[in-house]
Protein backbone atom coordinates (compact mmCIF):
# COMPACT_ATOMS: atom_id res chain seq x y z
CA UNK A 1 15.25 -27.40 -26.88
CA UNK A 2 16.78 -27.68 -23.42
CA UNK A 3 14.14 -29.63 -21.31
CA UNK A 4 14.57 -28.53 -17.45
CA UNK A 5 12.41 -30.85 -15.30
CA UNK A 6 10.80 -30.19 -11.63
CA UNK A 7 13.96 -31.97 -10.05
CA UNK A 8 16.40 -29.84 -12.32
CA UNK A 9 14.64 -26.48 -10.78
CA UNK A 10 14.92 -27.98 -7.46
CA UNK A 11 18.68 -29.05 -7.26
CA UNK A 12 20.10 -25.74 -9.05
CA UNK A 13 22.17 -23.68 -7.27
CA UNK A 14 20.44 -20.70 -5.51
CA UNK A 15 21.30 -17.52 -7.66
CA UNK A 16 21.27 -19.71 -10.74
CA UNK A 17 17.47 -20.69 -9.81
CA UNK A 18 16.91 -17.10 -9.13
CA UNK A 19 18.14 -15.83 -12.51
CA UNK A 20 16.08 -18.58 -14.40
CA UNK A 21 12.82 -18.30 -12.84
CA UNK A 22 12.97 -14.41 -12.77
CA UNK A 23 13.47 -14.56 -16.77
CA UNK A 24 10.54 -16.64 -17.15
CA UNK A 25 8.11 -13.86 -17.27
CA UNK A 26 9.86 -12.06 -19.96
CA UNK A 27 9.79 -8.19 -20.06
CA UNK A 28 8.39 -6.47 -16.96
CA UNK A 29 8.04 -2.86 -16.22
CA UNK A 30 10.99 -0.96 -14.04
CA UNK A 31 9.71 1.08 -11.55
CA UNK A 32 11.24 3.15 -8.29
CA UNK A 33 8.78 2.96 -5.68
CA UNK A 34 9.82 6.41 -3.57
CA UNK A 35 8.71 6.68 -0.07
CA UNK A 36 9.46 8.46 3.05
CA UNK A 37 9.54 7.23 6.86
CA UNK A 38 7.55 8.93 9.94
CA UNK A 39 11.20 10.48 10.85
CA UNK A 40 11.60 12.05 7.47
CA UNK A 41 13.98 9.66 5.64
CA UNK A 42 13.49 9.45 1.82
CA UNK A 43 13.73 6.10 0.42
CA UNK A 44 13.67 4.82 -3.06
CA UNK A 45 13.80 1.09 -4.42
CA UNK A 46 13.57 -0.31 -7.85
CA UNK A 47 10.95 -3.05 -8.18
CA UNK A 48 9.85 -5.16 -11.21
CA UNK A 49 6.43 -6.45 -10.06
CA UNK A 50 3.95 -3.50 -10.54
CA UNK A 51 0.77 -4.76 -12.39
CA UNK A 52 -2.41 -3.20 -13.31
CA UNK A 53 -5.38 -3.93 -11.09
CA UNK A 54 -8.24 -1.93 -12.12
CA UNK A 55 -9.42 1.53 -13.82
CA UNK A 56 -12.38 2.23 -11.59
CA UNK A 57 -11.17 2.80 -8.88
CA UNK A 58 -7.64 3.08 -10.49
CA UNK A 59 -5.67 0.40 -8.55
CA UNK A 60 -2.09 -0.77 -8.63
CA UNK A 61 -0.63 -4.04 -7.01
CA UNK A 62 3.02 -4.88 -6.34
CA UNK A 63 4.68 -7.66 -4.77
CA UNK A 64 7.30 -7.09 -2.12
CA UNK A 65 9.62 -9.73 -1.07
CA UNK A 66 9.27 -11.35 2.52
CA UNK A 67 9.75 -9.10 5.32
CA UNK A 68 11.94 -11.63 7.32
CA UNK A 69 14.61 -8.98 6.76
CA UNK A 70 14.16 -4.88 6.94
CA UNK A 71 12.11 -3.93 4.31
CA UNK A 72 12.35 -0.03 4.32
CA UNK A 73 9.68 0.45 1.40
CA UNK A 74 6.92 -1.71 3.33
CA UNK A 75 7.59 -0.25 6.35
CA UNK A 76 7.51 3.25 5.32
CA UNK A 77 4.38 2.69 3.45
CA UNK A 78 2.83 0.82 6.34
CA UNK A 79 3.42 3.95 8.33
CA UNK A 80 2.71 6.90 6.02
CA UNK A 81 0.05 4.98 3.93
CA UNK A 82 1.40 6.53 0.92
CA UNK A 83 3.95 6.09 -1.84
CA UNK A 84 4.87 7.20 -5.49
CA UNK A 85 5.77 4.67 -8.28
CA UNK A 86 8.19 6.19 -10.94
CA UNK A 87 9.11 4.86 -14.44
CA UNK A 88 12.78 4.21 -14.80
CA UNK A 89 13.96 5.68 -18.14
CA UNK A 90 16.86 4.95 -20.36
CA UNK A 91 19.06 7.90 -18.88
CA UNK A 92 18.63 6.86 -15.11
CA UNK A 93 18.55 3.11 -15.25
CA UNK A 94 21.93 2.42 -14.06
CA UNK A 95 21.05 4.60 -10.90
CA UNK A 96 17.76 2.96 -10.59
CA UNK A 97 19.37 -0.43 -10.52
CA UNK A 98 22.11 0.65 -7.65
CA UNK A 99 19.09 1.52 -5.61
CA UNK A 100 18.77 -2.58 -5.09
CA UNK A 101 21.58 -2.40 -2.74
CA UNK A 102 21.01 -2.48 1.06
CA UNK A 103 21.46 0.63 2.50
CA UNK A 104 20.60 1.76 6.11
CA UNK A 105 16.91 3.06 6.95
CA UNK A 106 18.37 6.25 7.58
CA UNK A 107 20.27 6.74 4.42
CA UNK A 108 18.71 8.02 1.39
CA UNK A 109 19.28 6.16 -1.78
CA UNK A 110 18.50 9.44 -3.35
CA UNK A 111 21.66 10.79 -2.19
CA UNK A 112 23.69 7.65 -2.63
CA UNK A 113 22.66 7.00 -6.29
CA UNK A 114 22.60 10.29 -7.83
CA UNK A 115 18.69 10.64 -8.35
CA UNK A 116 16.64 13.72 -6.73
CA UNK A 117 13.45 13.87 -4.73
CA UNK A 118 11.04 15.81 -5.73
CA UNK A 119 7.94 17.00 -3.45
CA UNK A 120 4.52 18.13 -4.58
CA UNK A 121 2.38 19.97 -2.37
CA UNK A 122 -0.39 17.74 -0.55
CA UNK A 123 1.58 14.45 -1.53
CA UNK A 124 3.68 13.42 1.17
CA UNK A 125 5.84 10.89 -0.50
CA UNK A 126 8.45 12.09 -2.91
CA UNK A 127 8.73 11.68 -6.56
CA UNK A 128 12.00 10.85 -8.43
CA UNK A 129 12.67 14.18 -10.21
CA UNK A 130 14.22 12.85 -13.45
CA UNK A 131 10.98 10.13 -14.42
CA UNK A 132 8.73 11.41 -17.10
CA UNK A 133 6.14 9.24 -15.79
CA UNK A 134 5.04 9.18 -12.28
CA UNK A 135 2.16 8.82 -10.04
CA UNK A 136 1.25 8.73 -6.16
CA UNK A 137 -0.99 6.24 -4.42
CA UNK A 138 -2.57 5.78 -1.25
CA UNK A 139 -2.41 2.57 0.35
CA UNK A 140 -5.72 0.24 0.20
CA UNK A 141 -4.57 -3.28 1.12
CA UNK A 142 -1.63 -5.17 2.42
CA UNK A 143 -1.91 -8.90 1.97
CA UNK A 144 0.53 -11.47 2.84
CA UNK A 145 0.63 -14.40 0.58
CA UNK A 146 0.54 -17.62 2.59
CA UNK A 147 2.32 -19.68 -0.44
CA UNK A 148 5.80 -18.20 -0.27
CA UNK A 149 5.73 -15.29 2.34
CA UNK A 150 5.58 -12.23 -0.42
CA UNK A 151 3.31 -9.33 0.26
CA UNK A 152 0.88 -7.84 -1.95
CA UNK A 153 0.37 -4.03 -1.73
CA UNK A 154 -2.57 -2.69 -3.27
CA UNK A 155 -2.64 1.17 -3.55
CA UNK A 156 -5.10 3.90 -5.55
CA UNK A 157 -3.81 6.01 -7.73
CA UNK A 158 -4.33 9.66 -6.73
CA UNK A 159 -2.19 11.76 -8.86
CA UNK A 160 -0.47 11.45 -12.32
CA UNK A 161 2.55 13.36 -13.51
CA UNK A 162 3.57 12.58 -17.21
CA UNK A 163 5.25 14.67 -19.65
CA UNK A 164 3.21 16.10 -22.45
CA UNK A 165 4.99 14.70 -25.10
CA UNK A 166 4.00 11.07 -23.99
CA UNK A 167 -0.15 11.71 -23.29
CA UNK A 168 -2.29 11.37 -26.19
CA UNK A 169 -5.78 12.81 -26.68
CA UNK A 170 -7.45 9.05 -25.92
CA UNK A 171 -5.70 8.65 -22.87
CA UNK A 172 -3.03 6.39 -24.25
CA UNK A 173 0.34 6.87 -22.83
CA UNK A 174 3.38 6.47 -25.38
CA UNK A 175 5.86 5.13 -23.05
CA UNK A 176 8.01 4.28 -25.57
CA UNK A 177 8.29 8.09 -26.12
CA UNK A 178 9.39 8.76 -22.71
CA UNK A 179 12.04 6.18 -23.01
CA UNK A 180 10.39 4.16 -20.23
CA UNK A 181 12.82 0.73 -19.82
CA UNK A 182 11.90 -2.97 -19.47
CA UNK A 183 13.63 -5.51 -17.07
CA UNK A 184 13.80 -9.05 -17.73
CA UNK A 185 15.49 -11.33 -15.27
CA UNK A 186 17.21 -9.61 -12.49
CA UNK A 187 19.62 -7.51 -14.18
CA UNK A 188 18.83 -6.74 -17.62
CA UNK A 189 17.54 -3.97 -19.06
CA UNK A 190 16.08 -3.14 -22.40
CA UNK A 191 14.72 -0.42 -24.69
CA UNK A 192 11.49 -1.25 -26.53
CA UNK A 193 10.31 -0.79 -30.14
CA UNK A 194 6.44 -0.80 -30.82
CA UNK A 195 5.25 -3.19 -33.35
CA UNK A 196 1.82 -1.18 -33.57
CA UNK A 197 -1.49 -0.32 -31.73
CA UNK A 198 -4.14 -2.37 -32.64
CA UNK A 199 -8.21 -1.87 -32.90
CA UNK A 200 -10.34 -3.03 -30.13
CA UNK A 201 -10.86 -7.16 -30.90
CA UNK A 202 -14.68 -7.99 -32.22
CA UNK A 203 -14.97 -11.74 -33.25
CA UNK A 204 -16.71 -10.31 -36.82
CA UNK A 205 -14.28 -7.61 -37.42
CA UNK A 206 -10.99 -7.53 -38.77
CA UNK A 207 -8.35 -5.57 -36.84
CA UNK A 208 -7.12 -2.24 -38.02
CA UNK A 209 -3.65 -0.77 -36.98
CA UNK A 210 -4.38 2.71 -35.27
CA UNK A 211 -2.15 5.47 -35.29
CA UNK A 212 -0.22 6.60 -32.07
CA UNK A 213 -2.85 9.26 -30.97
CA UNK A 214 -5.79 6.41 -31.36
CA UNK A 215 -7.75 8.17 -33.87
């Protein structure tokens, strides 16, 4: 087994180090964050740092890289106070990856990469029309992290749009049926294969494999 120590990590070439460290957390969700500016310019960017913070209230966090260079997504969220998160599915992962290119603020990634902006009454930020699972959020908190300058953005989920084929009676969303993809490292995309749904774990009770609908 290869042993990479602290000194090895410190001495690595910047890009190689980024690929290595980004791979350590394993599979991450691939999402498109869509926003709009005060001037009406739509923006969409891929992000792999979204995570669940709580169900009541329904909170989602995501980490954005330091704003030492222009970050249109962060700027739009600060301006408008709302944004959407859209699952990347197998049929749009290439377009999603291309959104990581640095386009000018007035240029819409939707137009450049071949995705469609979808607007819903009462929600200012656009959704990605091609996404099968998407939700809107209102900004609740922005926390700069002193340790490395990254920024934690926390939003409260206000609307959820999901293809009915993926929503089960017990509230479980079958993201595999929706063909949501995962990302590892900086540039590797994956389709998943579920092993099982398992029953609620208790110390004195054996685990039971659940059907997909949970009943």
